[in-house]
């Protein structure tokens, strides 16, 4: 099995949807009060490489997801390549990427009782 060690991705904080007329190529954030859960996308951004190597790395991640039949698209978002998957496929996608050697950076809130 191929691995992408030292690749780190994190989940973009907003949910997205395909921009009307641009499915598969452009996304837009879903307003927080939006009700559209069925067409919701989750974006993953590469943290470990901000260079030109980011595009080929994201392509390899997309191929890893294709192996388990999870649809994904690489779309430029905020000037960087991001991997978008359907919200219902997020768990399968992150599990596959972890098994492929990719670290998933998780955000957390600090409620330190000490």
PDB file of N, CA and C in Angstrom:
ATOM      1  N   UNK A   1       0.844  -1.183   0.000  1.00  0.00           N
ATOM      2  CA  UNK A   1       0.000   0.000   0.000  1.00  0.00           C
ATOM      3  C   UNK A   1       0.883   1.238   0.000  1.00  0.00           C
ATOM      4  N   UNK A   2       0.569   2.202  -0.849  1.00  0.00           N
ATOM      5  CA  UNK A   2       1.291   3.467  -0.868  1.00  0.00           C
ATOM      6  C   UNK A   2       0.886   4.301   0.339  1.00  0.00           C
ATOM      7  N   UNK A   3       1.821   5.089   0.822  1.00  0.00           N
ATOM      8  CA  UNK A   3       1.488   5.983   1.921  1.00  0.00           C
ATOM      9  C   UNK A   3       1.980   7.381   1.606  1.00  0.00           C
ATOM     10  N   UNK A   4       1.409   8.337   2.256  1.00  0.00           N
ATOM     11  CA  UNK A   4       1.801   9.733   2.119  1.00  0.00           C
ATOM     12  C   UNK A   4       2.206  10.251   3.485  1.00  0.00           C
ATOM     13  N   UNK A   5       3.262   9.691   4.021  1.00  0.00           N
ATOM     14  CA  UNK A   5       3.696  10.089   5.345  1.00  0.00           C
ATOM     15  C   UNK A   5       4.105  11.553   5.339  1.00  0.00           C
ATOM     16  N   UNK A   6       3.903  12.181   6.453  1.00  0.00           N
ATOM     17  CA  UNK A   6       4.175  13.593   6.679  1.00  0.00           C
ATOM     18  C   UNK A   6       3.170  14.510   6.001  1.00  0.00           C
ATOM     19  N   UNK A   7       2.110  13.954   5.419  1.00  0.00           N
ATOM     20  CA  UNK A   7       1.025  14.779   4.910  1.00  0.00           C
ATOM     21  C   UNK A   7       0.034  14.995   6.040  1.00  0.00           C
ATOM     22  N   UNK A   8      -0.320  16.247   6.238  1.00  0.00           N
ATOM     23  CA  UNK A   8      -1.261  16.596   7.299  1.00  0.00           C
ATOM     24  C   UNK A   8      -2.373  17.438   6.672  1.00  0.00           C
ATOM     25  N   UNK A   9      -3.609  17.048   6.924  1.00  0.00           N
ATOM     26  CA  UNK A   9      -4.751  17.819   6.439  1.00  0.00           C
ATOM     27  C   UNK A   9      -5.611  18.232   7.625  1.00  0.00           C
ATOM     28  N   UNK A  10      -6.382  19.280   7.424  1.00  0.00           N
ATOM     29  CA  UNK A  10      -7.372  19.639   8.425  1.00  0.00           C
ATOM     30  C   UNK A  10      -8.674  19.986   7.727  1.00  0.00           C
ATOM     31  N   UNK A  11      -9.740  19.801   8.464  1.00  0.00           N
ATOM     32  CA  UNK A  11     -11.084  20.061   7.955  1.00  0.00           C
ATOM     33  C   UNK A  11     -11.336  21.556   7.979  1.00  0.00           C
ATOM     34  N   UNK A  12     -11.793  22.085   6.860  1.00  0.00           N
ATOM     35  CA  UNK A  12     -12.154  23.494   6.820  1.00  0.00           C
ATOM     36  C   UNK A  12     -13.347  23.723   7.745  1.00  0.00           C
ATOM     37  N   UNK A  13     -13.371  24.848   8.445  1.00  0.00           N
ATOM     38  CA  UNK A  13     -14.399  25.050   9.471  1.00  0.00           C
ATOM     39  C   UNK A  13     -15.816  25.221   8.925  1.00  0.00           C
ATOM     40  N   UNK A  14     -15.955  25.653   7.689  1.00  0.00           N
ATOM     41  CA  UNK A  14     -17.285  25.867   7.131  1.00  0.00           C
ATOM     42  C   UNK A  14     -17.722  24.656   6.326  1.00  0.00           C
ATOM     43  N   UNK A  15     -19.010  24.582   6.102  1.00  0.00           N
ATOM     44  CA  UNK A  15     -19.551  23.601   5.174  1.00  0.00           C
ATOM     45  C   UNK A  15     -19.744  24.315   3.844  1.00  0.00           C
ATOM     46  N   UNK A  16     -19.669  23.548   2.782  1.00  0.00           N
ATOM     47  CA  UNK A  16     -19.728  24.114   1.441  1.00  0.00           C
ATOM     48  C   UNK A  16     -20.773  23.402   0.604  1.00  0.00           C
ATOM     49  N   UNK A  17     -21.062  23.997  -0.548  1.00  0.00           N
ATOM     50  CA  UNK A  17     -21.907  23.379  -1.572  1.00  0.00           C
ATOM     51  C   UNK A  17     -21.330  23.781  -2.920  1.00  0.00           C
ATOM     52  N   UNK A  18     -21.714  23.038  -3.948  1.00  0.00           N
ATOM     53  CA  UNK A  18     -21.253  23.384  -5.286  1.00  0.00           C
ATOM     54  C   UNK A  18     -21.896  24.684  -5.706  1.00  0.00           C
ATOM     55  N   UNK A  19     -21.115  25.564  -6.292  1.00  0.00           N
ATOM     56  CA  UNK A  19     -21.628  26.823  -6.822  1.00  0.00           C
ATOM     57  C   UNK A  19     -22.532  26.497  -8.000  1.00  0.00           C
ATOM     58  N   UNK A  20     -23.677  27.132  -8.066  1.00  0.00           N
ATOM     59  CA  UNK A  20     -24.642  26.857  -9.131  1.00  0.00           C
ATOM     60  C   UNK A  20     -23.967  26.938 -10.497  1.00  0.00           C
ATOM     61  N   UNK A  21     -24.111  25.868 -11.270  1.00  0.00           N
ATOM     62  CA  UNK A  21     -23.537  25.806 -12.604  1.00  0.00           C
ATOM     63  C   UNK A  21     -22.079  25.373 -12.644  1.00  0.00           C
ATOM     64  N   UNK A  22     -21.480  25.131 -11.480  1.00  0.00           N
ATOM     65  CA  UNK A  22     -20.063  24.764 -11.422  1.00  0.00           C
ATOM     66  C   UNK A  22     -19.819  23.514 -10.584  1.00  0.00           C
ATOM     67  N   UNK A  23     -20.747  22.568 -10.594  1.00  0.00           N
ATOM     68  CA  UNK A  23     -20.591  21.344  -9.798  1.00  0.00           C
ATOM     69  C   UNK A  23     -19.293  20.641 -10.171  1.00  0.00           C
ATOM     70  N   UNK A  24     -18.499  20.343  -9.165  1.00  0.00           N
ATOM     71  CA  UNK A  24     -17.231  19.670  -9.370  1.00  0.00           C
ATOM     72  C   UNK A  24     -16.047  20.582  -9.590  1.00  0.00           C
ATOM     73  N   UNK A  25     -16.312  21.901  -9.736  1.00  0.00           N
ATOM     74  CA  UNK A  25     -15.191  22.796 -10.011  1.00  0.00           C
ATOM     75  C   UNK A  25     -15.136  24.049  -9.140  1.00  0.00           C
ATOM     76  N   UNK A  26     -16.249  24.474  -8.563  1.00  0.00           N
ATOM     77  CA  UNK A  26     -16.244  25.659  -7.694  1.00  0.00           C
ATOM     78  C   UNK A  26     -17.215  25.448  -6.546  1.00  0.00           C
ATOM     79  N   UNK A  27     -16.814  25.927  -5.369  1.00  0.00           N
ATOM     80  CA  UNK A  27     -17.645  25.783  -4.175  1.00  0.00           C
ATOM     81  C   UNK A  27     -17.952  27.148  -3.587  1.00  0.00           C
ATOM     82  N   UNK A  28     -18.962  27.161  -2.731  1.00  0.00           N
ATOM     83  CA  UNK A  28     -19.284  28.354  -1.960  1.00  0.00           C
ATOM     84  C   UNK A  28     -19.672  27.914  -0.558  1.00  0.00           C
ATOM     85  N   UNK A  29     -19.346  28.747   0.436  1.00  0.00           N
ATOM     86  CA  UNK A  29     -19.732  28.387   1.816  1.00  0.00           C
ATOM     87  C   UNK A  29     -21.248  28.379   1.956  1.00  0.00           C
ATOM     88  N   UNK A  30     -21.729  27.485   2.780  1.00  0.00           N
ATOM     89  CA  UNK A  30     -23.156  27.451   3.100  1.00  0.00           C
ATOM     90  C   UNK A  30     -23.358  28.372   4.288  1.00  0.00           C
ATOM     91  N   UNK A  31     -24.309  29.306   4.196  1.00  0.00           N
ATOM     92  CA  UNK A  31     -24.568  30.175   5.351  1.00  0.00           C
ATOM     93  C   UNK A  31     -24.890  29.344   6.586  1.00  0.00           C
ATOM     94  N   UNK A  32     -24.479  29.831   7.748  1.00  0.00           N
ATOM     95  CA  UNK A  32     -24.669  29.057   8.979  1.00  0.00           C
ATOM     96  C   UNK A  32     -26.126  28.737   9.255  1.00  0.00           C
ATOM     97  N   UNK A  33     -27.026  29.584   8.785  1.00  0.00           N
ATOM     98  CA  UNK A  33     -28.445  29.306   8.992  1.00  0.00           C
ATOM     99  C   UNK A  33     -29.027  28.472   7.856  1.00  0.00           C
ATOM    100  N   UNK A  34     -28.159  28.013   6.940  1.00  0.00           N
ATOM    101  CA  UNK A  34     -28.615  27.208   5.798  1.00  0.00           C
ATOM    102  C   UNK A  34     -29.138  25.853   6.241  1.00  0.00           C
ATOM    103  N   UNK A  35     -30.155  25.367   5.554  1.00  0.00           N
ATOM    104  CA  UNK A  35     -30.798  24.109   5.893  1.00  0.00           C
ATOM    105  C   UNK A  35     -30.360  22.957   4.986  1.00  0.00           C
ATOM    106  N   UNK A  36     -29.524  23.226   3.977  1.00  0.00           N
ATOM    107  CA  UNK A  36     -29.184  22.227   2.969  1.00  0.00           C
ATOM    108  C   UNK A  36     -28.145  21.237   3.474  1.00  0.00           C
ATOM    109  N   UNK A  37     -28.592  20.144   4.068  1.00  0.00           N
ATOM    110  CA  UNK A  37     -27.674  19.136   4.596  1.00  0.00           C
ATOM    111  C   UNK A  37     -27.378  18.054   3.561  1.00  0.00           C
ATOM    112  N   UNK A  38     -28.269  17.848   2.590  1.00  0.00           N
ATOM    113  CA  UNK A  38     -28.072  16.746   1.660  1.00  0.00           C
ATOM    114  C   UNK A  38     -27.023  17.053   0.591  1.00  0.00           C
ATOM    115  N   UNK A  39     -26.813  18.295   0.243  1.00  0.00           N
ATOM    116  CA  UNK A  39     -25.807  18.659  -0.755  1.00  0.00           C
ATOM    117  C   UNK A  39     -24.579  19.293  -0.104  1.00  0.00           C
ATOM    118  N   UNK A  40     -24.342  18.976   1.127  1.00  0.00           N
ATOM    119  CA  UNK A  40     -23.283  19.584   1.912  1.00  0.00           C
ATOM    120  C   UNK A  40     -21.939  18.913   1.622  1.00  0.00           C
ATOM    121  N   UNK A  41     -20.903  19.736   1.478  1.00  0.00           N
ATOM    122  CA  UNK A  41     -19.551  19.250   1.241  1.00  0.00           C
ATOM    123  C   UNK A  41     -18.653  19.603   2.416  1.00  0.00           C
ATOM    124  N   UNK A  42     -17.674  18.761   2.652  1.00  0.00           N
ATOM    125  CA  UNK A  42     -16.654  19.002   3.662  1.00  0.00           C
ATOM    126  C   UNK A  42     -15.340  19.187   2.911  1.00  0.00           C
ATOM    127  N   UNK A  43     -14.585  20.212   3.300  1.00  0.00           N
ATOM    128  CA  UNK A  43     -13.318  20.486   2.644  1.00  0.00           C
ATOM    129  C   UNK A  43     -12.146  20.116   3.528  1.00  0.00           C
ATOM    130  N   UNK A  44     -11.119  19.539   2.927  1.00  0.00           N
ATOM    131  CA  UNK A  44      -9.881  19.211   3.623  1.00  0.00           C
ATOM    132  C   UNK A  44      -8.742  19.988   2.965  1.00  0.00           C
ATOM    133  N   UNK A  45      -7.971  20.661   3.801  1.00  0.00           N
ATOM    134  CA  UNK A  45      -6.871  21.491   3.323  1.00  0.00           C
ATOM    135  C   UNK A  45      -5.553  20.886   3.786  1.00  0.00           C
ATOM    136  N   UNK A  46      -4.572  20.871   2.918  1.00  0.00           N
ATOM    137  CA  UNK A  46      -3.262  20.335   3.240  1.00  0.00           C
ATOM    138  C   UNK A  46      -2.492  21.351   4.076  1.00  0.00           C
ATOM    139  N   UNK A  47      -2.040  20.917   5.254  1.00  0.00           N
ATOM    140  CA  UNK A  47      -1.270  21.794   6.128  1.00  0.00           C
ATOM    141  C   UNK A  47       0.229  21.615   5.967  1.00  0.00           C
ATOM    142  N   UNK A  48       0.634  20.443   5.544  1.00  0.00           N
ATOM    143  CA  UNK A  48       2.052  20.102   5.587  1.00  0.00           C
ATOM    144  C   UNK A  48       2.851  20.590   4.393  1.00  0.00           C
ATOM    145  N   UNK A  49       2.200  21.108   3.375  1.00  0.00           N
ATOM    146  CA  UNK A  49       2.944  21.537   2.196  1.00  0.00           C
ATOM    147  C   UNK A  49       2.203  22.672   1.508  1.00  0.00           C
ATOM    148  N   UNK A  50       2.780  23.849   1.554  1.00  0.00           N
ATOM    149  CA  UNK A  50       2.150  25.013   0.924  1.00  0.00           C
ATOM    150  C   UNK A  50       2.785  25.343  -0.417  1.00  0.00           C
ATOM    151  N   UNK A  51       3.588  24.457  -0.962  1.00  0.00           N
ATOM    152  CA  UNK A  51       4.300  24.726  -2.204  1.00  0.00           C
ATOM    153  C   UNK A  51       3.534  24.162  -3.394  1.00  0.00           C
ATOM    154  N   UNK A  52       4.208  24.141  -4.518  1.00  0.00           N
ATOM    155  CA  UNK A  52       3.617  23.578  -5.728  1.00  0.00           C
ATOM    156  C   UNK A  52       3.345  22.080  -5.586  1.00  0.00           C
ATOM    157  N   UNK A  53       4.007  21.431  -4.647  1.00  0.00           N
ATOM    158  CA  UNK A  53       3.793  19.993  -4.436  1.00  0.00           C
ATOM    159  C   UNK A  53       2.420  19.700  -3.844  1.00  0.00           C
ATOM    160  N   UNK A  54       1.705  20.728  -3.396  1.00  0.00           N
ATOM    161  CA  UNK A  54       0.394  20.518  -2.785  1.00  0.00           C
ATOM    162  C   UNK A  54      -0.605  19.921  -3.782  1.00  0.00           C
ATOM    163  N   UNK A  55      -0.594  20.371  -5.022  1.00  0.00           N
ATOM    164  CA  UNK A  55      -1.547  19.854  -6.011  1.00  0.00           C
ATOM    165  C   UNK A  55      -1.339  18.366  -6.269  1.00  0.00           C
ATOM    166  N   UNK A  56      -0.096  17.920  -6.548  1.00  0.00           N
ATOM    167  CA  UNK A  56       0.086  16.468  -6.746  1.00  0.00           C
ATOM    168  C   UNK A  56      -0.240  15.651  -5.495  1.00  0.00           C
ATOM    169  N   UNK A  57       0.040  16.205  -4.324  1.00  0.00           N
ATOM    170  CA  UNK A  57      -0.288  15.494  -3.082  1.00  0.00           C
ATOM    171  C   UNK A  57      -1.791  15.337  -2.952  1.00  0.00           C
ATOM    172  N   UNK A  58      -2.528  16.395  -3.230  1.00  0.00           N
ATOM    173  CA  UNK A  58      -3.991  16.310  -3.150  1.00  0.00           C
ATOM    174  C   UNK A  58      -4.528  15.328  -4.195  1.00  0.00           C
ATOM    175  N   UNK A  59      -3.881  15.261  -5.343  1.00  0.00           N
ATOM    176  CA  UNK A  59      -4.289  14.301  -6.373  1.00  0.00           C
ATOM    177  C   UNK A  59      -4.124  12.874  -5.856  1.00  0.00           C
ATOM    178  N   UNK A  60      -3.036  12.608  -5.147  1.00  0.00           N
ATOM    179  CA  UNK A  60      -2.808  11.279  -4.573  1.00  0.00           C
ATOM    180  C   UNK A  60      -3.862  10.957  -3.512  1.00  0.00           C
ATOM    181  N   UNK A  61      -4.236  11.958  -2.719  1.00  0.00           N
ATOM    182  CA  UNK A  61      -5.286  11.741  -1.718  1.00  0.00           C
ATOM    183  C   UNK A  61      -6.610  11.415  -2.395  1.00  0.00           C
ATOM    184  N   UNK A  62      -6.913  12.127  -3.460  1.00  0.00           N
ATOM    185  CA  UNK A  62      -8.149  11.878  -4.195  1.00  0.00           C
ATOM    186  C   UNK A  62      -8.156  10.464  -4.783  1.00  0.00           C
ATOM    187  N   UNK A  63      -7.015  10.020  -5.300  1.00  0.00           N
ATOM    188  CA  UNK A  63      -6.915   8.656  -5.839  1.00  0.00           C
ATOM    189  C   UNK A  63      -7.104   7.609  -4.748  1.00  0.00           C
ATOM    190  N   UNK A  64      -6.586   7.887  -3.553  1.00  0.00           N
ATOM    191  CA  UNK A  64      -6.769   6.963  -2.428  1.00  0.00           C
ATOM    192  C   UNK A  64      -8.247   6.821  -2.095  1.00  0.00           C
ATOM    193  N   UNK A  65      -8.996   7.916  -2.189  1.00  0.00           N
ATOM    194  CA  UNK A  65     -10.438   7.858  -1.921  1.00  0.00           C
ATOM    195  C   UNK A  65     -11.177   7.142  -3.042  1.00  0.00           C
ATOM    196  N   UNK A  66     -10.710   7.328  -4.250  1.00  0.00           N
ATOM    197  CA  UNK A  66     -11.347   6.656  -5.391  1.00  0.00           C
ATOM    198  C   UNK A  66     -11.248   5.138  -5.241  1.00  0.00           C
ATOM    199  N   UNK A  67     -10.139   4.672  -4.638  1.00  0.00           N
ATOM    200  CA  UNK A  67      -9.962   3.235  -4.421  1.00  0.00           C
ATOM    201  C   UNK A  67     -11.077   2.622  -3.584  1.00  0.00           C
ATOM    202  N   UNK A  68     -11.681   3.409  -2.704  1.00  0.00           N
ATOM    203  CA  UNK A  68     -12.786   2.898  -1.888  1.00  0.00           C
ATOM    204  C   UNK A  68     -14.130   3.471  -2.351  1.00  0.00           C
ATOM    205  N   UNK A  69     -14.135   4.019  -3.567  1.00  0.00           N
ATOM    206  CA  UNK A  69     -15.344   4.533  -4.220  1.00  0.00           C
ATOM    207  C   UNK A  69     -15.982   5.702  -3.475  1.00  0.00           C
ATOM    208  N   UNK A  70     -15.135   6.581  -2.920  1.00  0.00           N
ATOM    209  CA  UNK A  70     -15.613   7.831  -2.323  1.00  0.00           C
ATOM    210  C   UNK A  70     -15.301   8.937  -3.321  1.00  0.00           C
ATOM    211  N   UNK A  71     -16.351   9.607  -3.792  1.00  0.00           N
ATOM    212  CA  UNK A  71     -16.169  10.696  -4.743  1.00  0.00           C
ATOM    213  C   UNK A  71     -15.540  11.892  -4.051  1.00  0.00           C
ATOM    214  N   UNK A  72     -14.591  12.521  -4.741  1.00  0.00           N
ATOM    215  CA  UNK A  72     -13.963  13.722  -4.222  1.00  0.00           C
ATOM    216  C   UNK A  72     -13.565  14.611  -5.390  1.00  0.00           C
ATOM    217  N   UNK A  73     -13.387  15.879  -5.091  1.00  0.00           N
ATOM    218  CA  UNK A  73     -12.932  16.838  -6.091  1.00  0.00           C
ATOM    219  C   UNK A  73     -11.902  17.745  -5.451  1.00  0.00           C
ATOM    220  N   UNK A  74     -10.901  18.100  -6.231  1.00  0.00           N
ATOM    221  CA  UNK A  74      -9.893  19.051  -5.773  1.00  0.00           C
ATOM    222  C   UNK A  74     -10.258  20.395  -6.387  1.00  0.00           C
ATOM    223  N   UNK A  75     -10.476  21.363  -5.518  1.00  0.00           N
ATOM    224  CA  UNK A  75     -10.916  22.686  -5.953  1.00  0.00           C
ATOM    225  C   UNK A  75     -10.052  23.720  -5.255  1.00  0.00           C
ATOM    226  N   UNK A  76      -9.672  24.753  -5.984  1.00  0.00           N
ATOM    227  CA  UNK A  76      -8.923  25.836  -5.359  1.00  0.00           C
ATOM    228  C   UNK A  76      -9.870  26.633  -4.465  1.00  0.00           C
ATOM    229  N   UNK A  77      -9.470  26.782  -3.231  1.00  0.00           N
ATOM    230  CA  UNK A  77     -10.278  27.514  -2.251  1.00  0.00           C
ATOM    231  C   UNK A  77      -9.310  28.387  -1.455  1.00  0.00           C
ATOM    232  N   UNK A  78      -9.539  29.679  -1.454  1.00  0.00           N
ATOM    233  CA  UNK A  78      -8.667  30.630  -0.777  1.00  0.00           C
ATOM    234  C   UNK A  78      -7.227  30.505  -1.269  1.00  0.00           C
ATOM    235  N   UNK A  79      -7.073  30.265  -2.568  1.00  0.00           N
ATOM    236  CA  UNK A  79      -5.768  30.211  -3.189  1.00  0.00           C
ATOM    237  C   UNK A  79      -4.998  28.918  -3.021  1.00  0.00           C
ATOM    238  N   UNK A  80      -5.597  27.911  -2.405  1.00  0.00           N
ATOM    239  CA  UNK A  80      -4.915  26.638  -2.176  1.00  0.00           C
ATOM    240  C   UNK A  80      -5.804  25.483  -2.605  1.00  0.00           C
ATOM    241  N   UNK A  81      -5.186  24.359  -2.999  1.00  0.00           N
ATOM    242  CA  UNK A  81      -6.008  23.207  -3.369  1.00  0.00           C
ATOM    243  C   UNK A  81      -6.634  22.583  -2.128  1.00  0.00           C
ATOM    244  N   UNK A  82      -7.911  22.294  -2.232  1.00  0.00           N
ATOM    245  CA  UNK A  82      -8.639  21.645  -1.140  1.00  0.00           C
ATOM    246  C   UNK A  82      -9.388  20.451  -1.718  1.00  0.00           C
ATOM    247  N   UNK A  83      -9.500  19.423  -0.917  1.00  0.00           N
ATOM    248  CA  UNK A  83     -10.191  18.205  -1.316  1.00  0.00           C
ATOM    249  C   UNK A  83     -11.592  18.246  -0.718  1.00  0.00           C
ATOM    250  N   UNK A  84     -12.601  18.151  -1.560  1.00  0.00           N
ATOM    251  CA  UNK A  84     -13.986  18.204  -1.095  1.00  0.00           C
ATOM    252  C   UNK A  84     -14.651  16.849  -1.282  1.00  0.00           C
ATOM    253  N   UNK A  85     -15.350  16.418  -0.224  1.00  0.00           N
ATOM    254  CA  UNK A  85     -16.121  15.177  -0.248  1.00  0.00           C
ATOM    255  C   UNK A  85     -17.516  15.481   0.274  1.00  0.00           C
ATOM    256  N   UNK A  86     -18.470  14.642  -0.087  1.00  0.00           N
ATOM    257  CA  UNK A  86     -19.819  14.798   0.453  1.00  0.00           C
ATOM    258  C   UNK A  86     -19.782  14.585   1.954  1.00  0.00           C
ATOM    259  N   UNK A  87     -20.585  15.323   2.663  1.00  0.00           N
ATOM    260  CA  UNK A  87     -20.592  15.249   4.128  1.00  0.00           C
ATOM    261  C   UNK A  87     -20.831  13.821   4.624  1.00  0.00           C
ATOM    262  N   UNK A  88     -21.709  13.085   3.961  1.00  0.00           N
ATOM    263  CA  UNK A  88     -22.008  11.727   4.406  1.00  0.00           C
ATOM    264  C   UNK A  88     -20.825  10.775   4.188  1.00  0.00           C
ATOM    265  N   UNK A  89     -19.837  11.175   3.387  1.00  0.00           N
ATOM    266  CA  UNK A  89     -18.656  10.353   3.143  1.00  0.00           C
ATOM    267  C   UNK A  89     -17.458  10.779   3.990  1.00  0.00           C
ATOM    268  N   UNK A  90     -17.622  11.772   4.844  1.00  0.00           N
ATOM    269  CA  UNK A  90     -16.503  12.311   5.610  1.00  0.00           C
ATOM    270  C   UNK A  90     -15.816  11.250   6.471  1.00  0.00           C
ATOM    271  N   UNK A  91     -16.564  10.452   7.180  1.00  0.00           N
ATOM    272  CA  UNK A  91     -15.971   9.445   8.054  1.00  0.00           C
ATOM    273  C   UNK A  91     -15.162   8.420   7.247  1.00  0.00           C
ATOM    274  N   UNK A  92     -15.739   7.903   6.171  1.00  0.00           N
ATOM    275  CA  UNK A  92     -15.018   6.939   5.337  1.00  0.00           C
ATOM    276  C   UNK A  92     -13.766   7.575   4.738  1.00  0.00           C
ATOM    277  N   UNK A  93     -13.874   8.831   4.311  1.00  0.00           N
ATOM    278  CA  UNK A  93     -12.730   9.519   3.704  1.00  0.00           C
ATOM    279  C   UNK A  93     -11.608   9.709   4.714  1.00  0.00           C
ATOM    280  N   UNK A  94     -11.925  10.178   5.904  1.00  0.00           N
ATOM    281  CA  UNK A  94     -10.867  10.405   6.892  1.00  0.00           C
ATOM    282  C   UNK A  94     -10.247   9.093   7.362  1.00  0.00           C
ATOM    283  N   UNK A  95     -11.046   8.057   7.491  1.00  0.00           N
ATOM    284  CA  UNK A  95     -10.492   6.741   7.862  1.00  0.00           C
ATOM    285  C   UNK A  95      -9.535   6.248   6.782  1.00  0.00           C
ATOM    286  N   UNK A  96      -9.923   6.363   5.529  1.00  0.00           N
ATOM    287  CA  UNK A  96      -9.060   5.922   4.424  1.00  0.00           C
ATOM    288  C   UNK A  96      -7.760   6.729   4.412  1.00  0.00           C
ATOM    289  N   UNK A  97      -7.862   8.033   4.588  1.00  0.00           N
ATOM    290  CA  UNK A  97      -6.660   8.864   4.566  1.00  0.00           C
ATOM    291  C   UNK A  97      -5.734   8.528   5.734  1.00  0.00           C
ATOM    292  N   UNK A  98      -6.309   8.288   6.902  1.00  0.00           N
ATOM    293  CA  UNK A  98      -5.488   7.884   8.053  1.00  0.00           C
ATOM    294  C   UNK A  98      -4.784   6.563   7.774  1.00  0.00           C
ATOM    295  N   UNK A  99      -5.494   5.612   7.184  1.00  0.00           N
ATOM    296  CA  UNK A  99      -4.892   4.326   6.839  1.00  0.00           C
ATOM    297  C   UNK A  99      -3.833   4.473   5.749  1.00  0.00           C
ATOM    298  N   UNK A 100      -3.902   5.554   5.004  1.00  0.00           N
ATOM    299  CA  UNK A 100      -2.958   5.825   3.929  1.00  0.00           C
ATOM    300  C   UNK A 100      -1.736   6.581   4.449  1.00  0.00           C
ATOM    301  N   UNK A 101      -1.716   6.890   5.757  1.00  0.00           N
ATOM    302  CA  UNK A 101      -0.565   7.555   6.362  1.00  0.00           C
ATOM    303  C   UNK A 101      -0.702   9.051   6.511  1.00  0.00           C
ATOM    304  N   UNK A 102      -1.896   9.581   6.314  1.00  0.00           N
ATOM    305  CA  UNK A 102      -2.128  11.017   6.417  1.00  0.00           C
ATOM    306  C   UNK A 102      -2.610  11.341   7.824  1.00  0.00           C
ATOM    307  N   UNK A 103      -2.039  12.370   8.413  1.00  0.00           N
ATOM    308  CA  UNK A 103      -2.495  12.824   9.727  1.00  0.00           C
ATOM    309  C   UNK A 103      -3.647  13.807   9.523  1.00  0.00           C
ATOM    310  N   UNK A 104      -4.658  13.683  10.370  1.00  0.00           N
ATOM    311  CA  UNK A 104      -5.809  14.582  10.319  1.00  0.00           C
ATOM    312  C   UNK A 104      -5.719  15.496  11.529  1.00  0.00           C
ATOM    313  N   UNK A 105      -5.498  16.778  11.308  1.00  0.00           N
ATOM    314  CA  UNK A 105      -5.423  17.739  12.406  1.00  0.00           C
ATOM    315  C   UNK A 105      -6.843  18.038  12.872  1.00  0.00           C
ATOM    316  N   UNK A 106      -7.070  17.880  14.132  1.00  0.00           N
ATOM    317  CA  UNK A 106      -8.386  18.117  14.713  1.00  0.00           C
ATOM    318  C   UNK A 106      -8.364  19.423  15.502  1.00  0.00           C
ATOM    319  N   UNK A 107      -9.417  20.187  15.385  1.00  0.00           N
ATOM    320  CA  UNK A 107      -9.525  21.382  16.215  1.00  0.00           C
ATOM    321  C   UNK A 107     -10.224  21.001  17.507  1.00  0.00           C
ATOM    322  N   UNK A 108      -9.879  21.673  18.569  1.00  0.00           N
ATOM    323  CA  UNK A 108     -10.503  21.382  19.848  1.00  0.00           C
ATOM    324  C   UNK A 108     -10.594  22.675  20.642  1.00  0.00           C
ATOM    325  N   UNK A 109     -11.503  22.668  21.608  1.00  0.00           N
ATOM    326  CA  UNK A 109     -11.649  23.846  22.456  1.00  0.00           C
ATOM    327  C   UNK A 109     -10.955  23.547  23.780  1.00  0.00           C
ATOM    328  N   UNK A 110     -10.348  24.558  24.316  1.00  0.00           N
ATOM    329  CA  UNK A 110      -9.633  24.388  25.565  1.00  0.00           C
ATOM    330  C   UNK A 110     -10.545  24.760  26.730  1.00  0.00           C
ATOM    331  N   UNK A 111     -10.949  23.759  27.461  1.00  0.00           N
ATOM    332  CA  UNK A 111     -11.733  23.976  28.670  1.00  0.00           C
ATOM    333  C   UNK A 111     -10.963  23.338  29.801  1.00  0.00           C
ATOM    334  N   UNK A 112      -9.763  23.819  30.005  1.00  0.00           N
ATOM    335  CA  UNK A 112      -8.850  23.267  30.972  1.00  0.00           C
ATOM    336  C   UNK A 112      -9.365  23.547  32.400  1.00  0.00           C
ATOM    337  N   UNK A 113      -9.693  22.505  33.174  1.00  0.00           N
ATOM    338  CA  UNK A 113     -10.233  22.718  34.520  1.00  0.00           C
ATOM    339  C   UNK A 113      -9.137  23.042  35.528  1.00  0.00           C
ATOM    340  N   UNK A 114      -7.884  23.032  35.129  1.00  0.00           N
ATOM    341  CA  UNK A 114      -6.792  23.252  36.080  1.00  0.00           C
ATOM    342  C   UNK A 114      -6.484  24.707  36.281  1.00  0.00           C
TER     343      UNK A 114
END
